[in-house]
Structures are given as C-alpha cells and as structure tokens.
Amino acid sequence: MELSPREVQSKINGLIICLWVVSVTYVAISIPLVLDKVPPNRAYGYRSAETLSDPGVWYEANRFSGMILLVGGGVAGIIGGVLWRFRRGLSLCTAFIAVLLTILTPTVIMVIATRIYISHL
C-alpha cells in the first residue's frame, strides 16, 4: 500500500520531532554528568569495570562522555532544524536514514571515545 503525500509528510514531521526529543534528552542527560553531579552507580552514566571500581575514573569518564553527548545533542537539534526547513523536499527513506544516523552517531562516538579516554587515564 502506497502512502499519500500527506501521510508521507506527516511521517517525516514525526521523525524530525522524534529527533528533537532525542536531542533534548541527550542534553538533559549530559548536563549532570558534565557537572559531576552523578555519583558512581549501576543505572546512570558511563559504566564499566574501571569506572565502577574507582570514583576518580568515574567522574573523569562521565564528564568526558557527558561533553560528547552535550555536543551531540546540540548538533542533533541543529540537524533537526535543517531537516525541518527542507522537509518538503525529503523522501521518507532519506528522512529516516538522516534521523537514525543523527541519533546513533553521538552514542557510538561517545562509547568508543570514552573507552579510549579511560585507557589513557
């Protein structure tokens, strides 16, 4: 079944709104980490054997990963704005891929970069 142009546009709008929600969530999650407000725990923050065994490593690693998420959330919000501006020219597939990559990229970078950062502490 093929979607009407109105249905496609509605789905694209929903994807972009989802991206904005994720970008605000990234920023909201990152701020307490950057400000060292989250003590070592098993529920919130960058958790690994190294971070859970040493509070100094915990705060360093979570400050670092929080900064990456903060920047990633800001960039995701900006990309959401650009997608919104040009949404009428996007295909549903293009919008989906752009939103998916914009959501996943900061998370993947954060995990890999923080892992490398911890190995140098």
C-alpha atoms as a PDB file:
ATOM      1  CA  MET A   1       0.000   0.000   0.000  1.00  0.00           C
ATOM      2  CA  GLU A   2       1.417   3.340  -1.026  1.00  0.00           C
ATOM      3  CA  LEU A   3       1.223   6.323   1.278  1.00  0.00           C
ATOM      4  CA  SER A   4      -0.350   9.569   0.145  1.00  0.00           C
ATOM      5  CA  PRO A   5       1.909  12.651   0.006  1.00  0.00           C
ATOM      6  CA  ARG A   6       0.159  13.978   3.117  1.00  0.00           C
ATOM      7  CA  GLU A   7       0.846  10.739   5.022  1.00  0.00           C
ATOM      8  CA  VAL A   8       4.495  10.784   3.946  1.00  0.00           C
ATOM      9  CA  GLN A   9       4.871  14.391   5.116  1.00  0.00           C
ATOM     10  CA  SER A  10       3.219  13.542   8.415  1.00  0.00           C
ATOM     11  CA  LYS A  11       5.675  10.677   8.978  1.00  0.00           C
ATOM     12  CA  ILE A  12       8.650  12.890   8.068  1.00  0.00           C
ATOM     13  CA  ASN A  13       7.429  15.535  10.515  1.00  0.00           C
ATOM     14  CA  GLY A  14       7.113  12.870  13.205  1.00  0.00           C
ATOM     15  CA  LEU A  15      10.661  11.641  12.583  1.00  0.00           C
ATOM     16  CA  ILE A  16      12.066  15.152  12.903  1.00  0.00           C
ATOM     17  CA  ILE A  17      10.104  15.788  16.095  1.00  0.00           C
ATOM     18  CA  CYS A  18      11.460  12.492  17.444  1.00  0.00           C
ATOM     19  CA  LEU A  19      14.966  13.719  16.631  1.00  0.00           C
ATOM     20  CA  TRP A  20      14.361  16.918  18.596  1.00  0.00           C
ATOM     21  CA  VAL A  21      13.081  14.926  21.578  1.00  0.00           C
ATOM     22  CA  VAL A  22      16.207  12.750  21.494  1.00  0.00           C
ATOM     23  CA  SER A  23      18.467  15.809  21.165  1.00  0.00           C
ATOM     24  CA  VAL A  24      16.865  17.463  24.210  1.00  0.00           C
ATOM     25  CA  THR A  25      17.164  14.155  26.097  1.00  0.00           C
ATOM     26  CA  TYR A  26      20.876  13.906  25.235  1.00  0.00           C
ATOM     27  CA  VAL A  27      21.430  17.429  26.555  1.00  0.00           C
ATOM     28  CA  ALA A  28      19.362  16.797  29.701  1.00  0.00           C
ATOM     29  CA  ILE A  29      21.208  13.543  30.439  1.00  0.00           C
ATOM     30  CA  SER A  30      24.622  15.062  29.776  1.00  0.00           C
ATOM     31  CA  ILE A  31      24.454  18.149  31.993  1.00  0.00           C
ATOM     32  CA  PRO A  32      24.574  16.341  35.376  1.00  0.00           C
ATOM     33  CA  LEU A  33      27.414  14.169  34.055  1.00  0.00           C
ATOM     34  CA  VAL A  34      29.444  17.177  32.920  1.00  0.00           C
ATOM     35  CA  LEU A  35      28.875  18.885  36.278  1.00  0.00           C
ATOM     36  CA  ASP A  36      29.981  15.789  38.282  1.00  0.00           C
ATOM     37  CA  LYS A  37      26.527  15.521  39.892  1.00  0.00           C
ATOM     38  CA  VAL A  38      26.130  11.779  39.294  1.00  0.00           C
ATOM     39  CA  PRO A  39      27.948   9.559  41.793  1.00  0.00           C
ATOM     40  CA  PRO A  40      29.113   6.077  40.784  1.00  0.00           C
ATOM     41  CA  ASN A  41      26.094   3.802  40.274  1.00  0.00           C
ATOM     42  CA  ARG A  42      24.908   0.986  38.037  1.00  0.00           C
ATOM     43  CA  ALA A  43      21.989   2.836  36.412  1.00  0.00           C
ATOM     44  CA  TYR A  44      23.085   6.234  35.043  1.00  0.00           C
ATOM     45  CA  GLY A  45      26.381   7.241  33.489  1.00  0.00           C
ATOM     46  CA  TYR A  46      29.193   5.557  31.617  1.00  0.00           C
ATOM     47  CA  ARG A  47      29.505   2.217  33.399  1.00  0.00           C
ATOM     48  CA  SER A  48      32.461  -0.102  33.042  1.00  0.00           C
ATOM     49  CA  ALA A  49      34.650  -2.130  35.380  1.00  0.00           C
ATOM     50  CA  GLU A  50      37.091   0.782  35.528  1.00  0.00           C
ATOM     51  CA  THR A  51      34.525   3.480  36.263  1.00  0.00           C
ATOM     52  CA  LEU A  52      32.665   1.431  38.862  1.00  0.00           C
ATOM     53  CA  SER A  53      35.855   0.482  40.729  1.00  0.00           C
ATOM     54  CA  ASP A  54      37.386   3.976  41.004  1.00  0.00           C
ATOM     55  CA  PRO A  55      35.370   7.148  41.738  1.00  0.00           C
ATOM     56  CA  GLY A  56      38.105   9.305  40.168  1.00  0.00           C
ATOM     57  CA  VAL A  57      37.835   7.400  36.893  1.00  0.00           C
ATOM     58  CA  TRP A  58      34.026   7.511  37.165  1.00  0.00           C
ATOM     59  CA  TYR A  59      33.916  11.312  37.306  1.00  0.00           C
ATOM     60  CA  GLU A  60      36.592  11.802  34.625  1.00  0.00           C
ATOM     61  CA  ALA A  61      34.959   9.339  32.223  1.00  0.00           C
ATOM     62  CA  ASN A  62      31.444  10.644  32.787  1.00  0.00           C
ATOM     63  CA  ARG A  63      32.499  14.284  32.423  1.00  0.00           C
ATOM     64  CA  PHE A  64      34.150  13.328  29.116  1.00  0.00           C
ATOM     65  CA  SER A  65      31.222  11.240  27.840  1.00  0.00           C
ATOM     66  CA  GLY A  66      28.765  13.891  29.022  1.00  0.00           C
ATOM     67  CA  MET A  67      30.544  16.549  26.959  1.00  0.00           C
ATOM     68  CA  ILE A  68      30.288  14.338  23.881  1.00  0.00           C
ATOM     69  CA  LEU A  69      26.556  13.819  24.467  1.00  0.00           C
ATOM     70  CA  LEU A  70      26.057  17.529  25.121  1.00  0.00           C
ATOM     71  CA  VAL A  71      27.692  18.463  21.822  1.00  0.00           C
ATOM     72  CA  GLY A  72      25.928  15.573  20.061  1.00  0.00           C
ATOM     73  CA  GLY A  73      22.565  16.714  21.392  1.00  0.00           C
ATOM     74  CA  GLY A  74      23.207  20.261  20.219  1.00  0.00           C
ATOM     75  CA  VAL A  75      24.304  19.120  16.780  1.00  0.00           C
ATOM     76  CA  ALA A  76      21.295  16.781  16.543  1.00  0.00           C
ATOM     77  CA  GLY A  77      18.996  19.707  17.341  1.00  0.00           C
ATOM     78  CA  ILE A  78      20.612  21.805  14.622  1.00  0.00           C
ATOM     79  CA  ILE A  79      20.340  18.954  12.111  1.00  0.00           C
ATOM     80  CA  GLY A  80      16.693  18.613  13.112  1.00  0.00           C
ATOM     81  CA  GLY A  81      16.215  22.294  12.285  1.00  0.00           C
ATOM     82  CA  VAL A  82      17.853  21.867   8.881  1.00  0.00           C
ATOM     83  CA  LEU A  83      15.730  18.791   8.152  1.00  0.00           C
ATOM     84  CA  TRP A  84      12.617  20.686   9.216  1.00  0.00           C
ATOM     85  CA  ARG A  85      13.484  23.568   6.903  1.00  0.00           C
ATOM     86  CA  PHE A  86      13.887  21.232   3.917  1.00  0.00           C
ATOM     87  CA  ARG A  87      11.350  18.565   4.945  1.00  0.00           C
ATOM     88  CA  ARG A  88       9.106  19.082   1.925  1.00  0.00           C
ATOM     89  CA  GLY A  89      11.911  18.010  -0.412  1.00  0.00           C
ATOM     90  CA  LEU A  90      12.835  14.874   1.558  1.00  0.00           C
ATOM     91  CA  SER A  91      11.744  11.359   0.823  1.00  0.00           C
ATOM     92  CA  LEU A  92      10.589   9.286   3.778  1.00  0.00           C
ATOM     93  CA  CYS A  93      13.599   6.985   3.346  1.00  0.00           C
ATOM     94  CA  THR A  94      16.063   9.885   3.313  1.00  0.00           C
ATOM     95  CA  ALA A  95      14.458  11.441   6.393  1.00  0.00           C
ATOM     96  CA  PHE A  96      14.512   8.115   8.234  1.00  0.00           C
ATOM     97  CA  ILE A  97      18.185   7.481   7.462  1.00  0.00           C
ATOM     98  CA  ALA A  98      19.174  11.059   8.367  1.00  0.00           C
ATOM     99  CA  VAL A  99      17.331  10.895  11.703  1.00  0.00           C
ATOM    100  CA  LEU A 100      18.633   7.419  12.533  1.00  0.00           C
ATOM    101  CA  LEU A 101      22.253   8.368  11.811  1.00  0.00           C
ATOM    102  CA  THR A 102      21.897  11.635  13.719  1.00  0.00           C
ATOM    103  CA  ILE A 103      20.590   9.771  16.783  1.00  0.00           C
ATOM    104  CA  LEU A 104      23.082   6.893  16.689  1.00  0.00           C
ATOM    105  CA  THR A 105      26.273   8.766  15.808  1.00  0.00           C
ATOM    106  CA  PRO A 106      26.756  10.655  19.112  1.00  0.00           C
ATOM    107  CA  THR A 107      26.109   7.487  21.095  1.00  0.00           C
ATOM    108  CA  VAL A 108      28.600   5.420  19.112  1.00  0.00           C
ATOM    109  CA  ILE A 109      31.223   8.181  19.242  1.00  0.00           C
ATOM    110  CA  MET A 110      30.654   8.607  22.989  1.00  0.00           C
ATOM    111  CA  VAL A 111      31.126   4.899  23.728  1.00  0.00           C
ATOM    112  CA  ILE A 112      34.247   4.479  21.578  1.00  0.00           C
ATOM    113  CA  ALA A 113      35.880   7.787  22.568  1.00  0.00           C
ATOM    114  CA  THR A 114      35.215   7.262  26.273  1.00  0.00           C
ATOM    115  CA  ARG A 115      36.619   3.750  26.112  1.00  0.00           C
ATOM    116  CA  ILE A 116      39.805   5.157  24.546  1.00  0.00           C
ATOM    117  CA  TYR A 117      39.875   8.029  27.065  1.00  0.00           C
ATOM    118  CA  ILE A 118      39.627   5.641  30.022  1.00  0.00           C
ATOM    119  CA  SER A 119      42.504   3.557  28.660  1.00  0.00           C
ATOM    120  CA  HIS A 120      44.738   6.658  28.905  1.00  0.00           C
ATOM    121  CA  LEU A 121      43.800   7.597  32.486  1.00  0.00           C
END
